[in-house]
N, C-alpha and C. Protein backbone atom coordinates (compact mmCIF):
# COMPACT_ATOMS: atom_id res chain seq x y z
N MET A 1 17.80 -12.74 -6.72
CA MET A 1 16.48 -12.30 -6.30
C MET A 1 16.54 -10.81 -5.99
N ARG A 2 15.60 -10.05 -6.55
CA ARG A 2 15.63 -8.61 -6.31
C ARG A 2 15.15 -8.29 -4.90
N PRO A 3 15.65 -7.20 -4.32
CA PRO A 3 15.23 -6.85 -2.96
C PRO A 3 13.74 -6.49 -2.94
N VAL A 4 13.12 -6.70 -1.79
CA VAL A 4 11.70 -6.39 -1.64
C VAL A 4 11.56 -4.88 -1.45
N LEU A 5 10.84 -4.27 -2.38
CA LEU A 5 10.57 -2.84 -2.33
C LEU A 5 9.10 -2.64 -2.01
N VAL A 6 8.84 -1.95 -0.92
CA VAL A 6 7.47 -1.66 -0.51
C VAL A 6 7.23 -0.17 -0.68
N ALA A 7 6.21 0.18 -1.44
CA ALA A 7 5.81 1.58 -1.59
C ALA A 7 4.70 1.86 -0.59
N VAL A 8 4.82 2.98 0.10
CA VAL A 8 3.81 3.43 1.05
C VAL A 8 3.20 4.72 0.50
N VAL A 9 1.89 4.73 0.36
CA VAL A 9 1.19 5.93 -0.10
C VAL A 9 0.21 6.33 1.00
N ASP A 10 0.52 7.44 1.66
CA ASP A 10 -0.33 7.95 2.74
C ASP A 10 -0.13 9.45 2.82
N ASP A 11 -1.21 10.19 2.94
CA ASP A 11 -1.10 11.65 2.98
C ASP A 11 -0.64 12.18 4.33
N GLU A 12 -0.62 11.35 5.35
CA GLU A 12 -0.19 11.77 6.68
C GLU A 12 1.31 11.51 6.85
N GLU A 13 2.09 12.58 6.97
CA GLU A 13 3.54 12.45 7.06
C GLU A 13 4.00 11.58 8.23
N PRO A 14 3.42 11.72 9.44
CA PRO A 14 3.87 10.85 10.54
C PRO A 14 3.66 9.36 10.24
N VAL A 15 2.58 9.03 9.56
CA VAL A 15 2.30 7.63 9.20
C VAL A 15 3.34 7.16 8.19
N ARG A 16 3.60 7.97 7.16
CA ARG A 16 4.62 7.60 6.16
C ARG A 16 5.96 7.36 6.81
N LYS A 17 6.38 8.27 7.67
CA LYS A 17 7.69 8.14 8.31
C LYS A 17 7.75 6.89 9.19
N ALA A 18 6.71 6.67 9.97
CA ALA A 18 6.70 5.50 10.86
C ALA A 18 6.73 4.20 10.06
N LEU A 19 5.94 4.13 9.00
CA LEU A 19 5.93 2.91 8.18
C LEU A 19 7.27 2.72 7.46
N GLY A 20 7.85 3.80 6.98
CA GLY A 20 9.16 3.70 6.34
C GLY A 20 10.20 3.16 7.30
N ARG A 21 10.20 3.66 8.52
CA ARG A 21 11.16 3.17 9.53
C ARG A 21 10.92 1.71 9.86
N LEU A 22 9.66 1.32 10.03
CA LEU A 22 9.32 -0.07 10.33
C LEU A 22 9.80 -0.99 9.22
N LEU A 23 9.53 -0.64 7.99
CA LEU A 23 9.90 -1.49 6.86
C LEU A 23 11.41 -1.61 6.73
N ARG A 24 12.12 -0.49 6.88
CA ARG A 24 13.59 -0.54 6.79
C ARG A 24 14.18 -1.35 7.95
N ALA A 25 13.61 -1.22 9.14
CA ALA A 25 14.08 -2.00 10.29
C ALA A 25 13.88 -3.50 10.06
N ALA A 26 12.87 -3.85 9.26
CA ALA A 26 12.60 -5.26 8.95
C ALA A 26 13.43 -5.75 7.77
N GLY A 27 14.31 -4.89 7.24
CA GLY A 27 15.18 -5.30 6.15
C GLY A 27 14.59 -5.11 4.77
N LEU A 28 13.50 -4.37 4.67
CA LEU A 28 12.87 -4.11 3.39
C LEU A 28 13.28 -2.73 2.88
N THR A 29 13.15 -2.52 1.60
CA THR A 29 13.38 -1.21 1.02
C THR A 29 12.02 -0.51 0.97
N ALA A 30 11.98 0.74 1.42
CA ALA A 30 10.71 1.47 1.46
C ALA A 30 10.84 2.77 0.67
N GLU A 31 9.82 3.05 -0.12
CA GLU A 31 9.68 4.33 -0.79
C GLU A 31 8.32 4.88 -0.37
N CYS A 32 8.31 6.13 0.09
CA CYS A 32 7.08 6.71 0.61
C CYS A 32 6.61 7.87 -0.26
N TYR A 33 5.31 7.94 -0.44
CA TYR A 33 4.70 8.95 -1.30
C TYR A 33 3.55 9.62 -0.54
N ALA A 34 3.43 10.94 -0.72
CA ALA A 34 2.41 11.72 -0.03
C ALA A 34 1.05 11.67 -0.73
N SER A 35 1.03 11.19 -1.97
CA SER A 35 -0.24 11.14 -2.70
C SER A 35 -0.22 10.01 -3.71
N GLY A 36 -1.41 9.64 -4.13
CA GLY A 36 -1.52 8.62 -5.16
C GLY A 36 -0.90 9.06 -6.46
N GLN A 37 -1.04 10.34 -6.78
CA GLN A 37 -0.46 10.85 -8.02
C GLN A 37 1.07 10.78 -7.99
N ASP A 38 1.66 11.11 -6.83
CA ASP A 38 3.12 11.00 -6.70
C ASP A 38 3.57 9.57 -6.98
N PHE A 39 2.84 8.60 -6.45
CA PHE A 39 3.18 7.20 -6.68
C PHE A 39 3.03 6.85 -8.16
N LEU A 40 1.90 7.22 -8.76
CA LEU A 40 1.67 6.90 -10.17
C LEU A 40 2.73 7.53 -11.07
N ASP A 41 3.18 8.73 -10.71
CA ASP A 41 4.22 9.40 -11.49
C ASP A 41 5.55 8.64 -11.45
N SER A 42 5.75 7.83 -10.40
CA SER A 42 7.02 7.11 -10.26
C SER A 42 6.96 5.67 -10.75
N ILE A 43 5.79 5.16 -11.03
CA ILE A 43 5.66 3.72 -11.32
C ILE A 43 6.34 3.33 -12.63
N HIS A 44 6.61 4.29 -13.50
CA HIS A 44 7.32 3.97 -14.75
C HIS A 44 8.73 3.44 -14.47
N LEU A 45 9.24 3.68 -13.26
CA LEU A 45 10.55 3.16 -12.86
C LEU A 45 10.49 1.67 -12.55
N GLY A 46 9.30 1.14 -12.49
CA GLY A 46 9.09 -0.27 -12.18
C GLY A 46 8.20 -0.40 -10.97
N PRO A 47 7.30 -1.38 -10.98
CA PRO A 47 6.37 -1.52 -9.86
C PRO A 47 7.08 -2.03 -8.61
N PRO A 48 6.61 -1.62 -7.44
CA PRO A 48 7.19 -2.15 -6.21
C PRO A 48 6.76 -3.61 -6.01
N SER A 49 7.41 -4.27 -5.08
CA SER A 49 7.03 -5.64 -4.74
C SER A 49 5.67 -5.68 -4.07
N CYS A 50 5.34 -4.60 -3.35
CA CYS A 50 4.09 -4.51 -2.61
C CYS A 50 3.76 -3.03 -2.40
N LEU A 51 2.48 -2.72 -2.31
CA LEU A 51 2.02 -1.36 -2.09
C LEU A 51 1.16 -1.32 -0.84
N VAL A 52 1.49 -0.40 0.07
CA VAL A 52 0.66 -0.14 1.25
C VAL A 52 -0.02 1.19 0.96
N LEU A 53 -1.34 1.17 0.85
CA LEU A 53 -2.11 2.28 0.32
C LEU A 53 -3.17 2.76 1.30
N ASP A 54 -3.09 4.04 1.68
CA ASP A 54 -4.11 4.63 2.53
C ASP A 54 -5.40 4.78 1.72
N LEU A 55 -6.52 4.54 2.36
CA LEU A 55 -7.79 4.58 1.64
C LEU A 55 -8.31 6.00 1.45
N HIS A 56 -8.23 6.81 2.47
CA HIS A 56 -8.81 8.16 2.42
C HIS A 56 -7.71 9.21 2.32
N MET A 57 -7.57 9.77 1.11
CA MET A 57 -6.57 10.81 0.86
C MET A 57 -7.20 11.87 -0.03
N PRO A 58 -6.71 13.11 0.09
CA PRO A 58 -7.17 14.13 -0.87
C PRO A 58 -6.61 13.80 -2.26
N GLY A 59 -7.24 14.32 -3.28
CA GLY A 59 -6.80 13.98 -4.63
C GLY A 59 -7.31 12.59 -4.97
N LEU A 60 -6.42 11.72 -5.37
CA LEU A 60 -6.81 10.34 -5.68
C LEU A 60 -7.02 9.56 -4.39
N SER A 61 -8.20 9.04 -4.19
CA SER A 61 -8.45 8.21 -3.01
C SER A 61 -7.88 6.81 -3.24
N GLY A 62 -7.84 6.03 -2.19
CA GLY A 62 -7.41 4.64 -2.32
C GLY A 62 -8.28 3.86 -3.29
N PHE A 63 -9.59 4.15 -3.26
CA PHE A 63 -10.49 3.48 -4.20
C PHE A 63 -10.11 3.80 -5.65
N GLU A 64 -9.84 5.08 -5.92
CA GLU A 64 -9.47 5.48 -7.28
C GLU A 64 -8.12 4.86 -7.67
N MET A 65 -7.21 4.79 -6.72
CA MET A 65 -5.91 4.17 -6.99
C MET A 65 -6.07 2.70 -7.36
N LEU A 66 -6.91 1.99 -6.61
CA LEU A 66 -7.14 0.57 -6.92
C LEU A 66 -7.69 0.40 -8.33
N GLU A 67 -8.60 1.28 -8.73
CA GLU A 67 -9.16 1.20 -10.08
C GLU A 67 -8.09 1.46 -11.14
N ARG A 68 -7.25 2.44 -10.90
CA ARG A 68 -6.18 2.74 -11.88
C ARG A 68 -5.18 1.59 -11.94
N LEU A 69 -4.84 1.03 -10.80
CA LEU A 69 -3.88 -0.08 -10.78
C LEU A 69 -4.45 -1.32 -11.43
N ARG A 70 -5.74 -1.52 -11.30
CA ARG A 70 -6.40 -2.69 -11.88
C ARG A 70 -6.16 -2.77 -13.38
N ALA A 71 -6.04 -1.62 -14.03
CA ALA A 71 -5.86 -1.55 -15.47
C ALA A 71 -4.42 -1.88 -15.90
N GLN A 72 -3.50 -1.93 -14.95
CA GLN A 72 -2.10 -2.19 -15.29
C GLN A 72 -1.79 -3.68 -15.26
N ALA A 73 -1.00 -4.10 -16.21
CA ALA A 73 -0.67 -5.52 -16.32
C ALA A 73 0.18 -6.00 -15.14
N SER A 74 1.11 -5.20 -14.70
CA SER A 74 2.00 -5.63 -13.62
C SER A 74 1.74 -4.82 -12.36
N ARG A 75 0.54 -4.95 -11.83
CA ARG A 75 0.20 -4.19 -10.63
C ARG A 75 0.74 -4.90 -9.39
N PRO A 76 1.19 -4.13 -8.43
CA PRO A 76 1.74 -4.75 -7.22
C PRO A 76 0.62 -5.23 -6.30
N PRO A 77 0.88 -6.27 -5.51
CA PRO A 77 -0.11 -6.65 -4.50
C PRO A 77 -0.28 -5.45 -3.56
N THR A 78 -1.54 -5.13 -3.27
CA THR A 78 -1.85 -3.91 -2.53
C THR A 78 -2.55 -4.21 -1.22
N ILE A 79 -2.01 -3.62 -0.16
CA ILE A 79 -2.59 -3.70 1.18
C ILE A 79 -3.20 -2.33 1.47
N VAL A 80 -4.50 -2.28 1.68
CA VAL A 80 -5.18 -1.03 1.97
C VAL A 80 -5.20 -0.83 3.48
N ILE A 81 -4.86 0.40 3.90
CA ILE A 81 -4.92 0.75 5.32
C ILE A 81 -5.87 1.93 5.49
N THR A 82 -6.56 1.97 6.62
CA THR A 82 -7.50 3.06 6.85
C THR A 82 -7.68 3.34 8.33
N GLY A 83 -7.90 4.61 8.61
CA GLY A 83 -8.24 5.03 9.96
C GLY A 83 -9.71 5.38 10.06
N HIS A 84 -10.41 5.32 8.93
CA HIS A 84 -11.83 5.67 8.88
C HIS A 84 -12.61 4.51 8.28
N ASP A 85 -12.75 3.47 9.07
CA ASP A 85 -13.37 2.24 8.58
C ASP A 85 -14.89 2.38 8.49
N GLU A 86 -15.41 1.87 7.41
CA GLU A 86 -16.86 1.77 7.23
C GLU A 86 -17.13 0.35 6.74
N PRO A 87 -18.26 -0.22 7.16
CA PRO A 87 -18.53 -1.65 6.89
C PRO A 87 -18.34 -2.10 5.45
N GLU A 88 -18.75 -1.30 4.48
CA GLU A 88 -18.67 -1.75 3.09
C GLU A 88 -17.29 -1.56 2.46
N ASN A 89 -16.41 -0.80 3.10
CA ASN A 89 -15.11 -0.49 2.48
C ASN A 89 -14.22 -1.71 2.28
N GLU A 90 -14.18 -2.60 3.25
CA GLU A 90 -13.32 -3.77 3.12
C GLU A 90 -13.72 -4.61 1.91
N ALA A 91 -15.00 -4.92 1.79
CA ALA A 91 -15.47 -5.73 0.66
C ALA A 91 -15.20 -5.02 -0.66
N ARG A 92 -15.40 -3.71 -0.69
CA ARG A 92 -15.17 -2.94 -1.91
C ARG A 92 -13.70 -2.96 -2.32
N CYS A 93 -12.81 -2.83 -1.35
CA CYS A 93 -11.36 -2.85 -1.64
C CYS A 93 -10.91 -4.22 -2.13
N LEU A 94 -11.37 -5.26 -1.45
CA LEU A 94 -10.97 -6.61 -1.85
C LEU A 94 -11.51 -6.95 -3.24
N ALA A 95 -12.74 -6.51 -3.54
CA ALA A 95 -13.31 -6.74 -4.86
C ALA A 95 -12.55 -5.98 -5.94
N ALA A 96 -11.94 -4.85 -5.55
CA ALA A 96 -11.18 -4.04 -6.52
C ALA A 96 -9.74 -4.53 -6.68
N GLY A 97 -9.36 -5.58 -5.96
CA GLY A 97 -8.04 -6.17 -6.17
C GLY A 97 -7.06 -6.07 -5.03
N ALA A 98 -7.44 -5.44 -3.91
CA ALA A 98 -6.54 -5.41 -2.76
C ALA A 98 -6.36 -6.82 -2.21
N VAL A 99 -5.17 -7.12 -1.71
CA VAL A 99 -4.92 -8.44 -1.14
C VAL A 99 -5.23 -8.46 0.36
N ALA A 100 -5.30 -7.27 0.97
CA ALA A 100 -5.62 -7.19 2.40
C ALA A 100 -6.15 -5.80 2.72
N TYR A 101 -6.86 -5.73 3.85
CA TYR A 101 -7.46 -4.49 4.33
C TYR A 101 -7.18 -4.43 5.82
N MET A 102 -6.51 -3.37 6.25
CA MET A 102 -6.11 -3.27 7.66
C MET A 102 -6.54 -1.92 8.24
N ARG A 103 -6.91 -1.96 9.50
CA ARG A 103 -7.35 -0.76 10.18
C ARG A 103 -6.22 -0.15 11.01
N LYS A 104 -6.15 1.20 10.97
CA LYS A 104 -5.20 1.92 11.82
C LYS A 104 -5.80 2.04 13.22
N PRO A 105 -5.00 2.03 14.26
CA PRO A 105 -3.55 1.89 14.22
C PRO A 105 -3.16 0.47 13.83
N LEU A 106 -2.11 0.39 13.03
CA LEU A 106 -1.68 -0.90 12.51
C LEU A 106 -0.88 -1.69 13.54
N ASP A 107 -1.05 -2.99 13.49
CA ASP A 107 -0.22 -3.90 14.26
C ASP A 107 1.02 -4.16 13.40
N ASP A 108 2.18 -3.72 13.86
CA ASP A 108 3.41 -3.81 13.06
C ASP A 108 3.69 -5.23 12.58
N GLU A 109 3.62 -6.19 13.49
CA GLU A 109 3.92 -7.57 13.11
C GLU A 109 2.93 -8.11 12.09
N MET A 110 1.66 -7.77 12.28
CA MET A 110 0.64 -8.22 11.33
C MET A 110 0.89 -7.61 9.95
N LEU A 111 1.26 -6.34 9.91
CA LEU A 111 1.55 -5.70 8.62
C LEU A 111 2.73 -6.38 7.94
N LEU A 112 3.80 -6.62 8.68
CA LEU A 112 4.98 -7.27 8.10
C LEU A 112 4.66 -8.68 7.60
N GLN A 113 3.85 -9.42 8.35
CA GLN A 113 3.43 -10.75 7.91
C GLN A 113 2.58 -10.68 6.65
N THR A 114 1.70 -9.69 6.60
CA THR A 114 0.83 -9.53 5.44
C THR A 114 1.64 -9.17 4.20
N ILE A 115 2.63 -8.32 4.37
CA ILE A 115 3.53 -7.97 3.26
C ILE A 115 4.28 -9.21 2.78
N GLU A 116 4.78 -10.00 3.72
CA GLU A 116 5.53 -11.22 3.37
C GLU A 116 4.66 -12.17 2.55
N VAL A 117 3.42 -12.36 2.98
CA VAL A 117 2.49 -13.25 2.27
C VAL A 117 2.19 -12.67 0.88
N ALA A 118 1.94 -11.36 0.82
CA ALA A 118 1.60 -10.73 -0.46
C ALA A 118 2.74 -10.85 -1.46
N VAL A 119 3.96 -10.63 -1.00
CA VAL A 119 5.12 -10.70 -1.89
C VAL A 119 5.39 -12.13 -2.32
N SER A 120 5.26 -13.08 -1.42
CA SER A 120 5.56 -14.49 -1.75
C SER A 120 4.50 -15.11 -2.65
N SER A 121 3.29 -14.57 -2.64
CA SER A 121 2.24 -15.15 -3.49
C SER A 121 2.15 -14.47 -4.84
N LYS A 122 3.00 -13.49 -5.05
CA LYS A 122 3.00 -12.72 -6.31
C LYS A 122 3.51 -13.55 -7.46
């Protein structure tokens, strides 16, 4: 069984670092990216087991990332995270293929459980 690789895409460096530490402490492999384009440039190496994706970023937004990933045959289960919640965003993300939508600040245990469910249902 291959190790669980979780990709984190968030433009905020403190968030990326904190999530990377959390995931590694939980025994997962984490790769962190500062932008959606950085992540897309690396996906040719193989898709991660799960993607944690910030919704509001400069350049490619989380919405645009979901649309691009939707076109790929082997897209990773995606958990959208946001610090700027608006009522219609959750429904829009789930309709675009996200498996979960979480608000910042994140509950660490809930995130880890959501990742576990996303990876096991893949």
